[in-house]
Protein backbone atom coordinates (compact mmCIF):
# COMPACT_ATOMS: atom_id res chain seq x y z
CA UNK A 1 0.00 0.00 0.00
CA UNK A 2 1.50 3.41 -0.95
CA UNK A 3 2.21 5.81 1.87
CA UNK A 4 0.01 8.92 1.98
CA UNK A 5 1.58 12.35 2.00
CA UNK A 6 0.55 15.04 4.45
CA UNK A 7 -1.33 16.86 1.65
CA UNK A 8 -3.29 13.69 0.81
CA UNK A 9 -4.17 13.20 4.47
CA UNK A 10 -5.32 16.82 4.82
CA UNK A 11 -7.46 16.56 1.66
CA UNK A 12 -9.00 13.32 2.91
CA UNK A 13 -9.70 14.89 6.32
CA UNK A 14 -11.39 17.96 4.79
CA UNK A 15 -13.76 15.77 2.72
CA UNK A 16 -14.77 13.69 5.74
CA UNK A 17 -18.00 14.41 7.65
CA UNK A 18 -17.20 15.70 11.13
CA UNK A 19 -19.58 15.53 14.09
CA UNK A 20 -20.73 18.80 15.66
CA UNK A 21 -18.73 19.41 18.83
CA UNK A 22 -19.81 21.79 21.56
CA UNK A 23 -17.48 24.84 21.67
CA UNK A 24 -17.38 24.85 25.46
CA UNK A 25 -16.10 21.25 25.58
CA UNK A 26 -13.42 21.61 22.91
CA UNK A 27 -12.46 25.21 23.60
CA UNK A 28 -11.83 24.96 27.32
CA UNK A 29 -9.62 21.91 26.73
CA UNK A 30 -7.77 23.77 23.93
CA UNK A 31 -8.73 21.21 21.27
CA UNK A 32 -9.58 21.54 17.60
CA UNK A 33 -13.22 22.57 17.06
CA UNK A 34 -13.63 20.14 14.16
CA UNK A 35 -12.02 16.87 15.29
CA UNK A 36 -11.68 17.50 19.04
CA UNK A 37 -8.25 15.85 19.07
CA UNK A 38 -5.73 18.35 17.71
CA UNK A 39 -4.41 21.27 19.71
CA UNK A 40 -5.44 24.91 19.27
CA UNK A 41 -2.39 26.48 20.89
CA UNK A 42 1.33 26.20 20.32
CA UNK A 43 2.19 28.38 23.30
CA UNK A 44 0.24 29.90 26.14
CA UNK A 45 -2.02 32.03 23.92
CA UNK A 46 -0.54 31.67 20.42
CA UNK A 47 -2.83 29.84 17.99
CA UNK A 48 -1.38 27.17 15.74
CA UNK A 49 -1.61 27.61 11.97
CA UNK A 50 -3.74 24.47 11.62
CA UNK A 51 -4.81 21.31 13.43
CA UNK A 52 -2.14 18.63 13.36
CA UNK A 53 -4.78 15.87 13.25
CA UNK A 54 -7.45 16.97 10.75
CA UNK A 55 -5.68 19.85 8.99
CA UNK A 56 -8.30 22.52 9.79
CA UNK A 57 -6.80 25.96 9.17
CA UNK A 58 -7.25 28.31 12.11
CA UNK A 59 -7.11 31.36 9.81
CA UNK A 60 -10.82 31.97 10.54
CA UNK A 61 -10.10 32.55 14.23
CA UNK A 62 -10.10 36.11 15.51
CA UNK A 63 -11.11 36.29 19.16
CA UNK A 64 -9.61 39.82 19.35
CA UNK A 65 -10.05 41.28 22.85
CA UNK A 66 -12.85 38.93 23.88
CA UNK A 67 -10.86 36.84 26.38
CA UNK A 68 -9.30 39.94 27.95
CA UNK A 69 -12.72 41.57 28.31
CA UNK A 70 -14.16 38.57 30.14
CA UNK A 71 -11.11 38.31 32.38
CA UNK A 72 -11.30 42.01 33.24
CA UNK A 73 -14.99 41.75 34.09
CA UNK A 74 -14.94 38.50 36.01
CA UNK A 75 -11.36 38.26 37.27
CA UNK A 76 -9.76 41.64 37.71
CA UNK A 77 -12.71 43.44 39.24
CA UNK A 78 -13.11 40.94 42.13
CA UNK A 79 -9.33 40.96 42.69
CA UNK A 80 -9.24 44.76 42.90
CA UNK A 81 -12.29 44.77 45.20
CA UNK A 82 -10.46 42.24 47.41
CA UNK A 83 -7.34 44.45 47.49
CA UNK A 84 -9.30 47.59 48.30
CA UNK A 85 -11.35 45.87 51.00
CA UNK A 86 -8.19 44.46 52.57
CA UNK A 87 -6.56 47.89 52.51
CA UNK A 88 -9.54 49.81 53.88
CA UNK A 89 -10.53 47.37 56.65
CA UNK A 90 -7.10 46.28 57.90
CA UNK A 91 -4.56 48.79 56.48
CA UNK A 92 -1.89 46.08 56.16
CA UNK A 93 1.75 46.74 55.22
CA UNK A 94 2.75 46.43 51.56
CA UNK A 95 4.29 42.97 52.00
CA UNK A 96 0.84 41.57 52.92
CA UNK A 97 -0.48 42.73 49.56
CA UNK A 98 2.51 41.12 47.84
CA UNK A 99 1.64 37.76 49.40
CA UNK A 100 -2.16 37.94 49.16
CA UNK A 101 -3.40 40.39 46.55
CA UNK A 102 -0.72 39.89 43.90
CA UNK A 103 -1.09 36.06 43.70
CA UNK A 104 -4.89 36.39 43.74
CA UNK A 105 -4.74 38.96 40.94
CA UNK A 106 -2.38 36.81 38.85
CA UNK A 107 -4.48 33.68 39.33
CA UNK A 108 -7.78 35.35 38.45
CA UNK A 109 -6.29 37.10 35.41
CA UNK A 110 -3.90 34.61 33.81
CA UNK A 111 -5.54 31.22 34.40
CA UNK A 112 -8.83 31.92 32.58
CA UNK A 113 -7.26 33.53 29.47
CA UNK A 114 -6.38 30.33 27.60
CA UNK A 115 -9.69 28.48 28.17
CA UNK A 116 -11.68 31.60 27.28
CA UNK A 117 -9.70 32.17 24.08
CA UNK A 118 -10.17 28.51 23.13
CA UNK A 119 -13.90 28.74 23.79
CA UNK A 120 -14.25 31.87 21.65
CA UNK A 121 -12.26 30.36 18.75
CA UNK A 122 -14.31 27.15 18.87
CA UNK A 123 -17.53 29.20 19.04
CA UNK A 124 -16.48 31.09 15.91
CA UNK A 125 -16.05 27.78 14.09
CA UNK A 126 -19.24 26.21 15.48
CA UNK A 127 -21.47 29.18 14.65
CA UNK A 128 -19.62 29.98 11.39
CA UNK A 129 -18.93 33.51 12.60
CA UNK A 130 -17.48 35.88 10.05
CA UNK A 131 -17.45 39.45 8.94
CA UNK A 132 -20.96 40.68 8.23
CA UNK A 133 -21.84 41.51 4.64
CA UNK A 134 -24.88 41.72 2.44
CA UNK A 135 -24.18 40.04 -0.89
CA UNK A 136 -27.68 40.13 -2.36
CA UNK A 137 -30.92 41.92 -1.57
CA UNK A 138 -32.08 41.03 1.89
CA UNK A 139 -35.74 40.79 2.90
CA UNK A 140 -35.81 41.22 6.70
CA UNK A 141 -39.64 41.27 6.76
CA UNK A 142 -40.18 38.25 4.50
CA UNK A 143 -40.56 37.97 0.73
CA UNK A 144 -43.49 40.43 0.61
CA UNK A 145 -41.66 43.10 2.65
CA UNK A 146 -39.24 45.79 1.54
CA UNK A 147 -35.79 44.75 0.36
CA UNK A 148 -32.49 46.06 1.66
CA UNK A 149 -30.28 46.31 -1.43
CA UNK A 150 -26.52 46.13 -1.65
CA UNK A 151 -25.19 49.69 -1.93
CA UNK A 152 -23.40 50.71 -5.12
CA UNK A 153 -19.66 51.10 -4.67
CA UNK A 154 -18.42 54.65 -5.25
CA UNK A 155 -14.89 53.65 -6.23
């Protein structure tokens, strides 16, 4: 039997039917949204070019500032509230903050970044998220309603 090349394997994988995988399950584990086996990351937060198992290109992925926003809202705010409460109620010396507030802040900010980024990337794949565009007349009120036409380009 002839040995398959990487290109042949990737072509075969792209033609295969893949089961729908929940973004929360694959993303939090940092796995490929299509096959659930390959890795999303090659570093702490750096996305790979493609899945090493099924060959899915991660070029579609653009989580932008989403993970940072969620971490700021749900991680940083409680950590700062903790630091301020500690300071106002007990007025501890600086070294107490170094041993309590700083580790708490680092844990609540750094640990959730990778799972949140993985979840957002897998959600983009699952829901086929992309840049919004209107390619043909759109009938938001049904076929009998008014159409929203594609604007003429001025250039």
